[in-house]
């Protein structure tokens, strides 16, 4: 096991993540089948079934049923993602130290971490909305003053908003790991994540970009597949499989990054787990 005092890099995070997965392969396969594979299947199928098309004049807006399905789908995927991250984080943290992992123990960890994870998600969304609202109000206020340059101002505002969201995503990358390991939630977990990421923002950013770009390319490569074509069946099978592996590596990598960042900031030996009784 490498020391966290060495140069921290994305390659080290990925290497350590793969080591943990290989050491507990059957355990992570079971968790993947229970949580990540259904999640991947939803993410693969939904954009194809409900992919946007150019509306006809008589169908210029979405029907209420489509909005309802989209809302229910988003809620289901969000809850399933929390379940997947909670169980995998529990197993990853124990596996990092070479401790035995149990499928039942990982599933039972949901009882103590699901609601804190959900609360942290709600706080995150609330803060994001608070940032979004002033931007929209500013656009409305300047609209009548910038008729000739409104498009330029709109593009500038969108770019600023994207950069700000990326900054928050990097700063809050470890928040869910904090919730599972340290039993903190909400704003306290977000604040703790900001502290741990400090000094390692480059690694956190590279992790976000690595998984984000590959996921984006994954969807872009198969965009426009017809629902009834043979390519859809192939995409559904292989796409779900590879996306599951990719999400598993992502979840494990976040916890590994958390452990290294915690050691770098607080000088805790990587072999010591006594400070975090939640997982004991």
Protein backbone atom coordinates (compact mmCIF):
# COMPACT_ATOMS: atom_id res chain seq x y z
CA UNK A 1 0.00 0.00 0.00
CA UNK A 2 1.47 3.33 -1.01
CA UNK A 3 1.92 6.15 1.43
CA UNK A 4 -0.21 9.22 1.01
CA UNK A 5 2.89 11.35 1.48
CA UNK A 6 3.97 10.34 -2.03
CA UNK A 7 2.88 12.45 -4.98
CA UNK A 8 -0.86 12.02 -5.30
CA UNK A 9 -2.09 11.53 -8.84
CA UNK A 10 -5.06 10.21 -10.75
CA UNK A 11 -3.01 7.19 -11.83
CA UNK A 12 -2.35 6.29 -8.20
CA UNK A 13 -6.04 6.64 -7.35
CA UNK A 14 -7.06 4.41 -10.25
CA UNK A 15 -4.35 1.86 -9.48
CA UNK A 16 -5.36 1.60 -5.81
CA UNK A 17 -9.03 1.40 -6.77
CA UNK A 18 -8.37 -1.51 -9.13
CA UNK A 19 -6.33 -3.26 -6.42
CA UNK A 20 -9.23 -3.05 -3.97
CA UNK A 21 -11.71 -4.31 -6.55
CA UNK A 22 -9.50 -7.25 -7.56
CA UNK A 23 -8.90 -8.19 -3.92
CA UNK A 24 -12.66 -8.39 -3.29
CA UNK A 25 -13.84 -9.22 -6.79
CA UNK A 26 -16.84 -11.42 -5.98
CA UNK A 27 -18.06 -8.99 -3.34
CA UNK A 28 -18.01 -6.02 -5.71
CA UNK A 29 -19.57 -8.13 -8.45
CA UNK A 30 -22.51 -8.83 -6.14
CA UNK A 31 -22.92 -5.15 -5.25
CA UNK A 32 -22.67 -4.22 -8.92
CA UNK A 33 -25.41 -6.69 -9.82
CA UNK A 34 -27.65 -5.38 -7.03
CA UNK A 35 -27.23 -1.64 -7.49
CA UNK A 36 -24.94 -0.44 -10.29
CA UNK A 37 -26.16 -2.68 -13.11
CA UNK A 38 -29.82 -1.59 -12.73
CA UNK A 39 -28.60 2.00 -12.51
CA UNK A 40 -26.52 1.60 -15.67
CA UNK A 41 -29.40 -0.04 -17.49
CA UNK A 42 -31.65 2.93 -16.67
CA UNK A 43 -29.01 5.42 -17.78
CA UNK A 44 -28.43 3.54 -21.03
CA UNK A 45 -32.04 2.95 -22.04
CA UNK A 46 -33.71 6.19 -20.99
CA UNK A 47 -31.87 8.62 -23.33
CA UNK A 48 -32.69 6.35 -26.28
CA UNK A 49 -36.35 5.83 -25.48
CA UNK A 50 -36.94 9.50 -24.66
CA UNK A 51 -34.27 11.07 -26.88
CA UNK A 52 -35.31 14.52 -28.08
CA UNK A 53 -36.63 14.82 -31.60
CA UNK A 54 -37.67 17.79 -33.64
CA UNK A 55 -41.29 18.43 -32.66
CA UNK A 56 -44.02 18.77 -35.23
CA UNK A 57 -46.21 21.87 -35.13
CA UNK A 58 -48.94 19.85 -33.42
CA UNK A 59 -46.47 18.49 -30.82
CA UNK A 60 -44.54 21.56 -29.84
CA UNK A 61 -44.47 20.72 -26.15
CA UNK A 62 -44.02 17.65 -24.01
CA UNK A 63 -47.10 15.95 -22.67
CA UNK A 64 -47.72 15.93 -18.89
CA UNK A 65 -47.06 12.18 -18.90
CA UNK A 66 -43.56 12.73 -20.29
CA UNK A 67 -42.76 15.23 -17.56
CA UNK A 68 -44.10 12.80 -14.96
CA UNK A 69 -42.02 9.92 -16.32
CA UNK A 70 -38.92 12.12 -16.43
CA UNK A 71 -39.45 13.25 -12.84
CA UNK A 72 -40.06 9.72 -11.54
CA UNK A 73 -37.06 8.44 -13.48
CA UNK A 74 -34.80 11.14 -12.03
CA UNK A 75 -35.95 10.36 -8.49
CA UNK A 76 -35.47 6.62 -8.97
CA UNK A 77 -31.99 7.02 -10.46
CA UNK A 78 -30.95 9.42 -7.70
CA UNK A 79 -32.09 7.06 -4.93
CA UNK A 80 -30.48 4.06 -6.62
CA UNK A 81 -27.23 6.03 -7.00
CA UNK A 82 -27.21 6.81 -3.28
CA UNK A 83 -27.75 3.14 -2.43
CA UNK A 84 -24.95 2.11 -4.77
CA UNK A 85 -22.50 4.68 -3.43
CA UNK A 86 -23.32 3.93 0.22
CA UNK A 87 -22.72 0.19 -0.04
CA UNK A 88 -19.66 0.46 -2.27
CA UNK A 89 -18.11 3.16 -0.09
CA UNK A 90 -18.54 0.98 2.99
CA UNK A 91 -16.85 -1.95 1.27
CA UNK A 92 -14.12 0.18 -0.30
CA UNK A 93 -13.13 1.77 2.99
CA UNK A 94 -12.82 -1.61 4.70
CA UNK A 95 -11.14 -3.14 1.67
CA UNK A 96 -8.60 -0.31 1.58
CA UNK A 97 -7.21 -1.56 4.89
CA UNK A 98 -7.39 -5.22 3.96
CA UNK A 99 -10.28 -5.93 6.32
CA UNK A 100 -12.85 -8.59 5.42
CA UNK A 101 -15.89 -7.32 3.56
CA UNK A 102 -19.37 -8.76 3.88
CA UNK A 103 -22.29 -8.35 1.51
CA UNK A 104 -24.81 -8.26 4.34
CA UNK A 105 -22.75 -5.72 6.29
CA UNK A 106 -22.52 -3.50 3.23
CA UNK A 107 -26.27 -3.66 2.67
CA UNK A 108 -26.96 -3.01 6.36
CA UNK A 109 -24.81 0.12 6.14
CA UNK A 110 -27.64 1.64 4.09
CA UNK A 111 -29.71 2.00 7.27
CA UNK A 112 -27.16 4.38 8.78
CA UNK A 113 -26.01 6.25 5.67
CA UNK A 114 -28.95 6.53 3.27
CA UNK A 115 -30.83 9.37 4.99
CA UNK A 116 -27.63 11.41 5.63
CA UNK A 117 -26.70 10.96 1.96
CA UNK A 118 -30.17 12.02 0.88
CA UNK A 119 -30.03 15.07 3.16
CA UNK A 120 -26.64 16.03 1.77
CA UNK A 121 -28.00 15.71 -1.76
CA UNK A 122 -30.90 18.02 -0.94
CA UNK A 123 -28.54 20.59 0.58
CA UNK A 124 -26.33 20.39 -2.51
CA UNK A 125 -29.29 20.96 -4.82
CA UNK A 126 -30.52 23.83 -2.66
CA UNK A 127 -27.16 25.61 -2.82
CA UNK A 128 -27.02 25.05 -6.58
CA UNK A 129 -30.47 26.59 -7.02
CA UNK A 130 -29.46 29.56 -4.87
CA UNK A 131 -26.59 30.17 -7.28
CA UNK A 132 -28.77 29.71 -10.36
CA UNK A 133 -31.56 32.11 -9.32
CA UNK A 134 -29.38 35.28 -9.10
CA UNK A 135 -27.99 34.49 -12.57
CA UNK A 136 -31.49 34.32 -14.03
CA UNK A 137 -32.56 37.50 -12.23
CA UNK A 138 -29.49 39.28 -13.56
CA UNK A 139 -30.35 38.22 -17.10
CA UNK A 140 -33.89 39.53 -16.72
CA UNK A 141 -32.67 42.85 -15.32
CA UNK A 142 -30.18 43.53 -18.10
CA UNK A 143 -32.32 42.19 -20.94
CA UNK A 144 -33.91 45.53 -21.83
CA UNK A 145 -30.56 47.34 -21.53
CA UNK A 146 -28.53 44.99 -23.74
CA UNK A 147 -30.68 44.38 -26.80
CA UNK A 148 -27.72 44.35 -29.18
CA UNK A 149 -25.36 42.39 -26.93
CA UNK A 150 -27.74 40.17 -24.98
CA UNK A 151 -26.60 36.96 -26.71
CA UNK A 152 -22.98 37.72 -25.84
CA UNK A 153 -23.92 38.44 -22.25
CA UNK A 154 -25.99 35.23 -22.12
CA UNK A 155 -23.08 33.11 -23.35
CA UNK A 156 -20.75 34.79 -20.86
CA UNK A 157 -23.19 34.13 -18.01
CA UNK A 158 -23.56 30.48 -18.99
CA UNK A 159 -19.79 30.02 -19.11
CA UNK A 160 -19.38 31.62 -15.69
CA UNK A 161 -22.13 29.40 -14.32
CA UNK A 162 -20.49 26.27 -15.77
CA UNK A 163 -17.12 27.19 -14.27
CA UNK A 164 -18.76 27.84 -10.90
CA UNK A 165 -20.59 24.51 -10.99
CA UNK A 166 -17.35 22.73 -11.90
CA UNK A 167 -15.64 24.45 -8.97
CA UNK A 168 -18.37 23.27 -6.60
CA UNK A 169 -18.31 19.75 -8.02
CA UNK A 170 -14.58 19.50 -7.40
CA UNK A 171 -14.85 21.02 -3.92
CA UNK A 172 -17.71 18.70 -2.95
CA UNK A 173 -16.31 15.58 -4.60
CA UNK A 174 -15.58 13.87 -1.27
CA UNK A 175 -18.79 14.92 0.51
CA UNK A 176 -20.57 11.58 0.10
CA UNK A 177 -17.49 9.68 1.27
CA UNK A 178 -17.44 11.93 4.35
CA UNK A 179 -21.09 11.08 5.00
CA UNK A 180 -20.49 7.33 4.89
CA UNK A 181 -17.19 7.23 6.78
CA UNK A 182 -17.46 10.08 9.29
CA UNK A 183 -21.24 10.14 9.85
CA UNK A 184 -21.45 13.83 8.94
CA UNK A 185 -24.12 15.15 6.63
CA UNK A 186 -25.51 18.24 4.97
CA UNK A 187 -23.51 21.44 5.02
CA UNK A 188 -21.03 19.93 7.49
CA UNK A 189 -20.14 17.19 4.99
CA UNK A 190 -19.76 19.74 2.18
CA UNK A 191 -17.53 21.92 4.35
CA UNK A 192 -15.42 18.91 5.32
CA UNK A 193 -15.02 17.96 1.65
CA UNK A 194 -13.82 21.47 0.77
CA UNK A 195 -11.19 21.17 3.51
CA UNK A 196 -9.96 17.75 2.37
CA UNK A 197 -9.81 18.67 -1.32
CA UNK A 198 -7.75 21.79 -0.57
CA UNK A 199 -4.21 21.21 -1.82
CA UNK A 200 -5.35 18.33 -4.03
CA UNK A 201 -7.72 20.17 -6.33
CA UNK A 202 -5.71 19.16 -9.38
CA UNK A 203 -6.21 15.47 -8.64
CA UNK A 204 -9.89 16.00 -7.83
CA UNK A 205 -10.39 18.00 -11.04
CA UNK A 206 -8.62 15.38 -13.14
CA UNK A 207 -10.86 12.72 -11.60
CA UNK A 208 -14.02 14.69 -12.39
CA UNK A 209 -12.88 15.37 -15.95
CA UNK A 210 -11.69 11.81 -16.54
CA UNK A 211 -14.95 10.16 -15.55
CA UNK A 212 -17.09 12.99 -16.92
CA UNK A 213 -15.49 13.09 -20.37
CA UNK A 214 -15.52 9.31 -20.83
CA UNK A 215 -19.16 9.13 -19.77
CA UNK A 216 -20.02 11.94 -22.18
CA UNK A 217 -18.21 10.22 -25.05
CA UNK A 218 -19.96 7.01 -24.13
CA UNK A 219 -23.39 8.59 -24.63
CA UNK A 220 -22.34 10.60 -27.69
CA UNK A 221 -21.05 7.50 -29.48
CA UNK A 222 -24.43 5.80 -29.28
CA UNK A 223 -26.70 8.81 -29.63
CA UNK A 224 -29.43 8.42 -32.23
CA UNK A 225 -29.72 4.63 -32.08
CA UNK A 226 -33.21 3.52 -33.06
CA UNK A 227 -35.17 1.68 -30.41
CA UNK A 228 -36.11 -1.26 -32.67
CA UNK A 229 -32.73 -1.74 -34.30
CA UNK A 230 -30.32 -4.58 -33.52
CA UNK A 231 -27.78 -1.96 -32.48
CA UNK A 232 -30.04 -1.00 -29.57
CA UNK A 233 -29.92 -4.53 -28.16
CA UNK A 234 -26.14 -4.66 -28.49
CA UNK A 235 -25.80 -1.23 -26.93
CA UNK A 236 -28.14 -2.13 -24.08
CA UNK A 237 -26.15 -5.25 -23.18
CA UNK A 238 -22.58 -4.08 -23.66
CA UNK A 239 -23.30 -0.47 -22.75
CA UNK A 240 -24.82 -1.43 -19.41
CA UNK A 241 -21.94 -3.80 -18.70
CA UNK A 242 -19.13 -1.34 -19.40
CA UNK A 243 -20.94 1.58 -17.79
CA UNK A 244 -21.36 -0.55 -14.64
CA UNK A 245 -17.63 -1.22 -14.50
CA UNK A 246 -16.90 2.44 -15.07
CA UNK A 247 -19.30 3.61 -12.34
CA UNK A 248 -17.86 1.05 -9.93
CA UNK A 249 -14.35 2.35 -10.55
CA UNK A 250 -15.61 5.91 -10.10
CA UNK A 251 -17.29 5.21 -6.74
CA UNK A 252 -14.30 3.27 -5.43
CA UNK A 253 -11.93 6.00 -6.64
CA UNK A 254 -13.79 8.71 -4.72
CA UNK A 255 -13.38 6.81 -1.45
CA UNK A 256 -9.71 6.10 -2.17
CA UNK A 257 -9.13 9.79 -2.90
CA UNK A 258 -10.89 10.64 0.36
CA UNK A 259 -8.57 8.38 2.38
CA UNK A 260 -5.43 9.84 0.79
CA UNK A 261 -6.62 13.44 1.21
CA UNK A 262 -7.51 12.79 4.85
CA UNK A 263 -4.07 11.34 5.50
CA UNK A 264 -2.32 14.27 3.80
CA UNK A 265 -4.26 16.86 5.80
CA UNK A 266 -4.40 15.19 9.20
CA UNK A 267 -1.36 12.94 9.18
CA UNK A 268 -3.38 9.82 9.98
CA UNK A 269 -1.59 6.59 9.07
CA UNK A 270 -3.32 4.74 6.27
CA UNK A 271 -3.43 1.62 8.44
CA UNK A 272 -5.39 3.34 11.23
CA UNK A 273 -9.19 3.07 11.18
CA UNK A 274 -9.95 3.57 14.86
CA UNK A 275 -10.87 7.22 14.38
CA UNK A 276 -13.88 6.29 12.29
CA UNK A 277 -16.10 4.01 14.40
CA UNK A 278 -19.00 4.11 11.93
CA UNK A 279 -17.40 1.37 9.88
CA UNK A 280 -16.38 -0.78 12.81
